[in-house]
C-alpha atoms as a PDB file:
ATOM      1  CA  MET A   1      27.034  -5.733   5.325  1.00  0.00           C
ATOM      2  CA  SER A   2      24.788  -4.446   2.462  1.00  0.00           C
ATOM      3  CA  TYR A   3      22.126  -5.957   0.666  1.00  0.00           C
ATOM      4  CA  ASP A   4      19.164  -5.066  -1.579  1.00  0.00           C
ATOM      5  CA  LEU A   5      15.995  -4.065   0.184  1.00  0.00           C
ATOM      6  CA  HIS A   6      12.791  -5.578  -1.067  1.00  0.00           C
ATOM      7  CA  GLY A   7       9.402  -3.988  -0.528  1.00  0.00           C
ATOM      8  CA  MET A   8      10.594  -1.132   1.600  1.00  0.00           C
ATOM      9  CA  TRP A   9       8.764   1.401  -0.540  1.00  0.00           C
ATOM     10  CA  ASP A  10       6.026   1.331   2.047  1.00  0.00           C
ATOM     11  CA  GLN A  11       8.030   2.582   5.071  1.00  0.00           C
ATOM     12  CA  HIS A  12       7.601   6.109   4.076  1.00  0.00           C
ATOM     13  CA  ASN A  13       4.500   5.952   2.291  1.00  0.00           C
ATOM     14  CA  LYS A  14       1.645   8.009   3.892  1.00  0.00           C
ATOM     15  CA  PHE A  15      -1.139   5.408   2.986  1.00  0.00           C
ATOM     16  CA  THR A  16       0.773   2.264   4.348  1.00  0.00           C
ATOM     17  CA  GLY A  17       3.569   3.587   6.762  1.00  0.00           C
ATOM     18  CA  PRO A  18       6.201   1.485   8.407  1.00  0.00           C
ATOM     19  CA  TYR A  19       3.740  -1.191  10.139  1.00  0.00           C
ATOM     20  CA  LEU A  20       4.091  -4.834  10.436  1.00  0.00           C
ATOM     21  CA  GLU A  21       1.450  -6.235   8.301  1.00  0.00           C
ATOM     22  CA  GLY A  22       0.515  -9.413   6.326  1.00  0.00           C
ATOM     23  CA  HIS A  23       0.923  -9.188   2.567  1.00  0.00           C
ATOM     24  CA  THR A  24      -1.783 -11.643   2.027  1.00  0.00           C
ATOM     25  CA  ASN A  25      -4.765 -10.381   4.344  1.00  0.00           C
ATOM     26  CA  VAL A  26      -8.380 -11.262   3.106  1.00  0.00           C
ATOM     27  CA  THR A  27      -9.834  -8.376   4.893  1.00  0.00           C
ATOM     28  CA  GLU A  28      -7.781  -6.030   2.508  1.00  0.00           C
ATOM     29  CA  MET A  29      -8.697  -8.335  -0.242  1.00  0.00           C
ATOM     30  CA  ASP A  30     -12.539  -7.778   0.639  1.00  0.00           C
ATOM     31  CA  GLN A  31     -11.937  -4.124   0.328  1.00  0.00           C
ATOM     32  CA  GLY A  32     -10.152  -4.498  -2.992  1.00  0.00           C
ATOM     33  CA  LEU A  33     -13.031  -6.630  -4.410  1.00  0.00           C
ATOM     34  CA  ASP A  34     -15.596  -4.370  -3.283  1.00  0.00           C
ATOM     35  CA  LEU A  35     -14.181  -1.776  -5.469  1.00  0.00           C
ATOM     36  CA  LEU A  36     -14.106  -4.081  -8.343  1.00  0.00           C
ATOM     37  CA  TRP A  37     -17.670  -4.740  -7.702  1.00  0.00           C
ATOM     38  CA  ARG A  38     -18.689  -1.212  -7.689  1.00  0.00           C
ATOM     39  CA  ASN A  39     -17.405  -0.883 -11.072  1.00  0.00           C
ATOM     40  CA  GLY A  40     -19.031  -3.751 -12.671  1.00  0.00           C
ATOM     41  CA  VAL A  41     -15.956  -6.037 -12.611  1.00  0.00           C
ATOM     42  CA  LYS A  42     -17.412  -9.901 -12.517  1.00  0.00           C
ATOM     43  CA  PRO A  43     -16.044 -12.418 -10.103  1.00  0.00           C
ATOM     44  CA  SER A  44     -15.260 -14.441 -13.076  1.00  0.00           C
ATOM     45  CA  ASN A  45     -12.626 -12.063 -14.225  1.00  0.00           C
ATOM     46  CA  ILE A  46     -10.570 -12.492 -11.007  1.00  0.00           C
ATOM     47  CA  VAL A  47      -8.204 -15.115  -9.682  1.00  0.00           C
ATOM     48  CA  LEU A  48      -7.051 -14.900  -6.287  1.00  0.00           C
ATOM     49  CA  GLY A  49      -2.920 -15.196  -5.940  1.00  0.00           C
ATOM     50  CA  PHE A  50      -1.346 -17.232  -3.430  1.00  0.00           C
ATOM     51  CA  ALA A  51       2.150 -16.307  -2.242  1.00  0.00           C
ATOM     52  CA  PHE A  52       5.046 -19.002  -1.760  1.00  0.00           C
ATOM     53  CA  TYR A  53       7.139 -16.581  -0.234  1.00  0.00           C
ATOM     54  CA  GLY A  54       7.258 -14.205   3.059  1.00  0.00           C
ATOM     55  CA  ARG A  55       7.814 -10.640   3.613  1.00  0.00           C
ATOM     56  CA  SER A  56      10.136  -9.790   6.544  1.00  0.00           C
ATOM     57  CA  PHE A  57      10.852  -6.921   8.647  1.00  0.00           C
ATOM     58  CA  THR A  58      13.212  -5.856  11.797  1.00  0.00           C
ATOM     59  CA  MET A  59      10.955  -4.881  14.441  1.00  0.00           C
ATOM     60  CA  THR A  60      11.419  -1.312  15.980  1.00  0.00           C
ATOM     61  CA  ASP A  61      10.485  -2.729  19.375  1.00  0.00           C
ATOM     62  CA  PRO A  62      11.156  -6.459  20.159  1.00  0.00           C
ATOM     63  CA  SER A  63       8.366  -6.237  22.607  1.00  0.00           C
ATOM     64  CA  CYS A  64       5.799  -5.196  19.991  1.00  0.00           C
ATOM     65  CA  SER A  65       5.238  -7.749  17.566  1.00  0.00           C
ATOM     66  CA  LYS A  66       1.521  -7.785  16.806  1.00  0.00           C
ATOM     67  CA  PRO A  67       0.430  -6.581  13.497  1.00  0.00           C
ATOM     68  CA  GLY A  68       0.053  -2.731  13.517  1.00  0.00           C
ATOM     69  CA  CYS A  69       3.405  -2.390  15.439  1.00  0.00           C
ATOM     70  CA  THR A  70       6.213  -0.790  13.507  1.00  0.00           C
ATOM     71  CA  PHE A  71       9.379  -1.847  11.651  1.00  0.00           C
ATOM     72  CA  SER A  72      12.820  -0.114  11.381  1.00  0.00           C
ATOM     73  CA  THR A  73      13.922  -1.845   8.380  1.00  0.00           C
ATOM     74  CA  SER A  74      13.567  -5.020   6.232  1.00  0.00           C
ATOM     75  CA  GLY A  75      14.135  -8.356   7.573  1.00  0.00           C
ATOM     76  CA  LEU A  76      17.708  -9.994   7.465  1.00  0.00           C
ATOM     77  CA  PRO A  77      18.270 -11.517   4.045  1.00  0.00           C
ATOM     78  CA  GLY A  78      18.083 -15.590   3.719  1.00  0.00           C
ATOM     79  CA  SER A  79      20.960 -17.506   2.393  1.00  0.00           C
ATOM     80  CA  CYS A  80      19.478 -18.283  -0.992  1.00  0.00           C
ATOM     81  CA  THR A  81      17.524 -15.392  -1.854  1.00  0.00           C
ATOM     82  CA  ASN A  82      19.933 -12.957  -0.424  1.00  0.00           C
ATOM     83  CA  THR A  83      17.507 -10.031  -0.226  1.00  0.00           C
ATOM     84  CA  GLY A  84      16.501  -8.213   2.639  1.00  0.00           C
ATOM     85  CA  GLY A  85      12.680  -7.972   3.468  1.00  0.00           C
ATOM     86  CA  ILE A  86      11.616 -11.375   1.471  1.00  0.00           C
ATOM     87  CA  LEU A  87      12.359 -15.067   2.181  1.00  0.00           C
ATOM     88  CA  SER A  88      11.710 -17.896  -0.018  1.00  0.00           C
ATOM     89  CA  TYR A  89       9.145 -20.725   1.174  1.00  0.00           C
ATOM     90  CA  SER A  90      12.139 -23.044   2.005  1.00  0.00           C
ATOM     91  CA  GLU A  91      13.907 -20.231   4.115  1.00  0.00           C
ATOM     92  CA  VAL A  92      10.709 -19.532   5.863  1.00  0.00           C
ATOM     93  CA  LYS A  93      10.450 -23.352   6.616  1.00  0.00           C
ATOM     94  CA  SER A  94      14.028 -23.489   7.935  1.00  0.00           C
ATOM     95  CA  ARG A  95      13.221 -20.884  10.465  1.00  0.00           C
ATOM     96  CA  ASN A  96      10.230 -22.761  11.615  1.00  0.00           C
ATOM     97  CA  ASN A  97      12.505 -25.329  12.986  1.00  0.00           C
ATOM     98  CA  SER A  98      14.130 -23.064  15.088  1.00  0.00           C
ATOM     99  CA  LEU A  99      13.584 -22.802  18.894  1.00  0.00           C
ATOM    100  CA  SER A 100      13.771 -19.126  18.924  1.00  0.00           C
ATOM    101  CA  THR A 101      10.741 -19.004  16.467  1.00  0.00           C
ATOM    102  CA  PHE A 102       7.385 -18.349  17.655  1.00  0.00           C
ATOM    103  CA  THR A 103       4.130 -18.642  15.556  1.00  0.00           C
ATOM    104  CA  PHE A 104       0.990 -16.831  15.400  1.00  0.00           C
ATOM    105  CA  TYR A 105      -2.093 -16.947  13.350  1.00  0.00           C
ATOM    106  CA  ASP A 106      -5.187 -14.584  13.014  1.00  0.00           C
ATOM    107  CA  GLU A 107      -8.098 -16.395  11.594  1.00  0.00           C
ATOM    108  CA  GLN A 108     -10.156 -13.048  10.608  1.00  0.00           C
ATOM    109  CA  SER A 109      -7.194 -11.929   8.425  1.00  0.00           C
ATOM    110  CA  THR A 110      -5.696 -15.238   7.693  1.00  0.00           C
ATOM    111  CA  VAL A 111      -2.441 -13.820   8.348  1.00  0.00           C
ATOM    112  CA  LYS A 112       0.149 -16.225   9.721  1.00  0.00           C
ATOM    113  CA  TYR A 113       3.481 -14.613  11.075  1.00  0.00           C
ATOM    114  CA  ASN A 114       6.542 -15.717  12.942  1.00  0.00           C
ATOM    115  CA  VAL A 115       8.776 -13.706  15.385  1.00  0.00           C
ATOM    116  CA  TYR A 116      12.292 -15.042  15.568  1.00  0.00           C
ATOM    117  CA  GLU A 117      15.714 -14.198  16.586  1.00  0.00           C
ATOM    118  CA  GLY A 118      14.682 -11.599  18.927  1.00  0.00           C
ATOM    119  CA  ASN A 119      13.618  -8.698  16.369  1.00  0.00           C
ATOM    120  CA  GLN A 120      12.741 -10.346  13.249  1.00  0.00           C
ATOM    121  CA  TRP A 121       9.069 -10.627  11.908  1.00  0.00           C
ATOM    122  CA  ILE A 122       7.971 -12.411   8.750  1.00  0.00           C
ATOM    123  CA  SER A 123       4.289 -12.985   7.409  1.00  0.00           C
ATOM    124  CA  TYR A 124       3.790 -16.205   5.260  1.00  0.00           C
ATOM    125  CA  ASN A 125       1.266 -18.691   4.406  1.00  0.00           C
ATOM    126  CA  ASN A 126       0.968 -22.345   5.048  1.00  0.00           C
ATOM    127  CA  LYS A 127      -1.451 -25.132   5.045  1.00  0.00           C
ATOM    128  CA  GLN A 128      -3.899 -23.698   7.583  1.00  0.00           C
ATOM    129  CA  SER A 129      -3.887 -19.914   5.907  1.00  0.00           C
ATOM    130  CA  PHE A 130      -4.010 -21.483   2.446  1.00  0.00           C
ATOM    131  CA  PHE A 131      -7.254 -23.415   3.409  1.00  0.00           C
ATOM    132  CA  ASP A 132      -8.941 -20.534   4.852  1.00  0.00           C
ATOM    133  CA  LYS A 133      -7.982 -18.383   1.574  1.00  0.00           C
ATOM    134  CA  LYS A 134      -9.539 -21.205  -0.695  1.00  0.00           C
ATOM    135  CA  LYS A 135     -12.760 -20.908   1.550  1.00  0.00           C
ATOM    136  CA  PHE A 136     -12.605 -17.258   0.788  1.00  0.00           C
ATOM    137  CA  LEU A 137     -12.041 -17.595  -2.712  1.00  0.00           C
ATOM    138  CA  SER A 138     -15.234 -20.063  -3.296  1.00  0.00           C
ATOM    139  CA  GLY A 139     -17.297 -17.711  -1.135  1.00  0.00           C
ATOM    140  CA  ARG A 140     -16.576 -14.653  -3.371  1.00  0.00           C
ATOM    141  CA  CYS A 141     -17.095 -16.842  -6.708  1.00  0.00           C
ATOM    142  CA  LEU A 142     -13.668 -16.066  -7.899  1.00  0.00           C
ATOM    143  CA  ASP A 143     -12.556 -17.811 -11.000  1.00  0.00           C
ATOM    144  CA  GLY A 144      -9.409 -19.525  -9.779  1.00  0.00           C
ATOM    145  CA  LEU A 145      -6.098 -19.030  -8.292  1.00  0.00           C
ATOM    146  CA  MET A 146      -2.594 -18.438  -9.316  1.00  0.00           C
ATOM    147  CA  ILE A 147       0.674 -18.916  -7.453  1.00  0.00           C
ATOM    148  CA  TRP A 148       3.698 -16.556  -7.062  1.00  0.00           C
ATOM    149  CA  ALA A 149       6.080 -18.059  -7.604  1.00  0.00           C
ATOM    150  CA  ILE A 150       6.217 -21.800  -7.616  1.00  0.00           C
ATOM    151  CA  ASP A 151       9.821 -21.855  -8.059  1.00  0.00           C
ATOM    152  CA  GLN A 152      10.145 -20.471  -4.351  1.00  0.00           C
ATOM    153  CA  ASP A 153       8.773 -23.624  -2.911  1.00  0.00           C
ATOM    154  CA  THR A 154      10.850 -26.192  -1.075  1.00  0.00           C
ATOM    155  CA  GLN A 155      12.177 -28.966  -3.230  1.00  0.00           C
ATOM    156  CA  SER A 156       9.652 -31.344  -1.722  1.00  0.00           C
ATOM    157  CA  HIS A 157       6.810 -28.840  -2.732  1.00  0.00           C
ATOM    158  CA  VAL A 158       5.718 -28.245   0.696  1.00  0.00           C
ATOM    159  CA  ALA A 159       3.886 -25.120  -0.114  1.00  0.00           C
ATOM    160  CA  LEU A 160       2.127 -26.654  -3.252  1.00  0.00           C
ATOM    161  CA  GLN A 161       0.983 -29.580  -1.094  1.00  0.00           C
ATOM    162  CA  GLY A 162      -0.342 -27.262   1.463  1.00  0.00           C
ATOM    163  CA  LEU A 163      -2.427 -25.403  -0.968  1.00  0.00           C
ATOM    164  CA  LEU A 164      -3.474 -28.233  -3.363  1.00  0.00           C
ATOM    165  CA  GLY A 165      -3.264 -31.327  -1.218  1.00  0.00           C
ATOM    166  CA  ASP A 166      -1.013 -34.349  -1.489  1.00  0.00           C
ATOM    167  CA  PHE A 167       0.267 -35.392  -4.867  1.00  0.00           C
ATOM    168  CA  SER A 168       3.293 -37.321  -6.592  1.00  0.00           C
ATOM    169  CA  ALA A 169       6.157 -35.901  -8.325  1.00  0.00           C
ATOM    170  CA  ARG A 170       5.038 -37.602 -11.302  1.00  0.00           C
ATOM    171  CA  GLN A 171       1.614 -35.798 -11.298  1.00  0.00           C
ATOM    172  CA  LEU A 172       3.803 -32.392 -11.586  1.00  0.00           C
ATOM    173  CA  GLU A 173       5.354 -33.689 -14.566  1.00  0.00           C
ATOM    174  CA  GLY A 174       1.882 -33.647 -16.313  1.00  0.00           C
ATOM    175  CA  GLY A 175       2.791 -35.184 -19.819  1.00  0.00           C
ATOM    176  CA  ASN A 176       3.657 -38.801 -18.361  1.00  0.00           C
ATOM    177  CA  LEU A 177       0.076 -39.117 -17.232  1.00  0.00           C
ATOM    178  CA  ASP A 178      -2.139 -41.440 -19.019  1.00  0.00           C
ATOM    179  CA  PRO A 179      -5.597 -39.789 -20.243  1.00  0.00           C
ATOM    180  CA  LYS A 180      -7.742 -41.203 -17.606  1.00  0.00           C
ATOM    181  CA  THR A 181      -5.427 -40.173 -14.774  1.00  0.00           C
ATOM    182  CA  ALA A 182      -5.059 -36.447 -16.241  1.00  0.00           C
ATOM    183  CA  THR A 183      -8.683 -36.204 -16.595  1.00  0.00           C
ATOM    184  CA  VAL A 184      -9.045 -37.151 -12.876  1.00  0.00           C
ATOM    185  CA  LEU A 185      -6.416 -34.650 -11.804  1.00  0.00           C
ATOM    186  CA  SER A 186      -7.615 -31.988 -13.939  1.00  0.00           C
ATOM    187  CA  LEU A 187     -11.383 -32.318 -12.637  1.00  0.00           C
ATOM    188  CA  ALA A 188      -9.766 -32.425  -8.966  1.00  0.00           C
ATOM    189  CA  PHE A 189      -8.144 -29.073  -9.317  1.00  0.00           C
ATOM    190  CA  GLY A 190     -10.860 -27.597 -11.637  1.00  0.00           C
ATOM    191  CA  ALA A 191     -12.404 -25.685  -8.837  1.00  0.00           C
ATOM    192  CA  TYR A 192      -9.408 -23.753  -8.469  1.00  0.00           C
ATOM    193  CA  THR A 193      -7.968 -23.195 -12.161  1.00  0.00           C
ATOM    194  CA  GLY A 194     -11.650 -21.943 -13.477  1.00  0.00           C
ATOM    195  CA  GLN A 195     -12.250 -25.016 -15.506  1.00  0.00           C
ATOM    196  CA  ASN A 196     -15.171 -26.056 -13.227  1.00  0.00           C
ATOM    197  CA  CYS A 197     -16.102 -23.028 -10.972  1.00  0.00           C
ATOM    198  CA  PHE A 198     -17.419 -24.237  -7.662  1.00  0.00           C
ATOM    199  CA  VAL A 199     -20.303 -21.939  -6.359  1.00  0.00           C
ATOM    200  CA  THR A 200     -21.444 -22.247  -2.904  1.00  0.00           C
ATOM    201  CA  PRO A 201     -25.348 -21.473  -1.984  1.00  0.00           C
ATOM    202  CA  THR A 202     -24.313 -18.173  -0.162  1.00  0.00           C
ATOM    203  CA  CYS A 203     -21.914 -17.202  -3.228  1.00  0.00           C
ATOM    204  CA  THR A 204     -22.625 -13.800  -4.227  1.00  0.00           C
ATOM    205  CA  ASP A 205     -21.495 -10.887  -6.517  1.00  0.00           C
ATOM    206  CA  GLY A 206     -20.338  -9.064  -3.379  1.00  0.00           C
ATOM    207  CA  SER A 207     -23.610  -7.135  -3.099  1.00  0.00           C
ATOM    208  CA  ALA A 208     -24.524  -9.249   0.056  1.00  0.00           C
END
């Protein structure tokens, strides 16, 4: 069987290597932000991206599944995306329902990952890691958030609900809302869109 390999550029890259690592790690984000702070980039010019997909790998050794262990190739493709190394949110969710799936979470890096089918490994986000990443966003005074990509969510919008909370399908349509409801919805999400930046008492420009 042949299929496209997504993201295997890092396997032979000397700066990354063939290691099992989460693709949305806040400790790495902090390092990137520090570089921006030192070059005069303001937090108000930055938004934080939230992934609605997972990166998957085939583990070199099924007994070594922690971040930092190695992979031999991309993960098996999903039935919808049909691309090795990446699974949409609905494909990730379907694997969460399998008895062969084991889920782990690192609170420090906010990396959530699954080990399944013996040698498969995937990092992704869910309500728990979304919440911790939003705290990170507010703590660094970033201007808002973006999603990549909303069409990779489930049909019932599980990822979007995990990120922004409960809402109705009518709210997603936007144009059918009366002005009062639209204003309330806009204010509710304002802290994440840059409309109304929420700054905590400990918020800094990265220097402290």
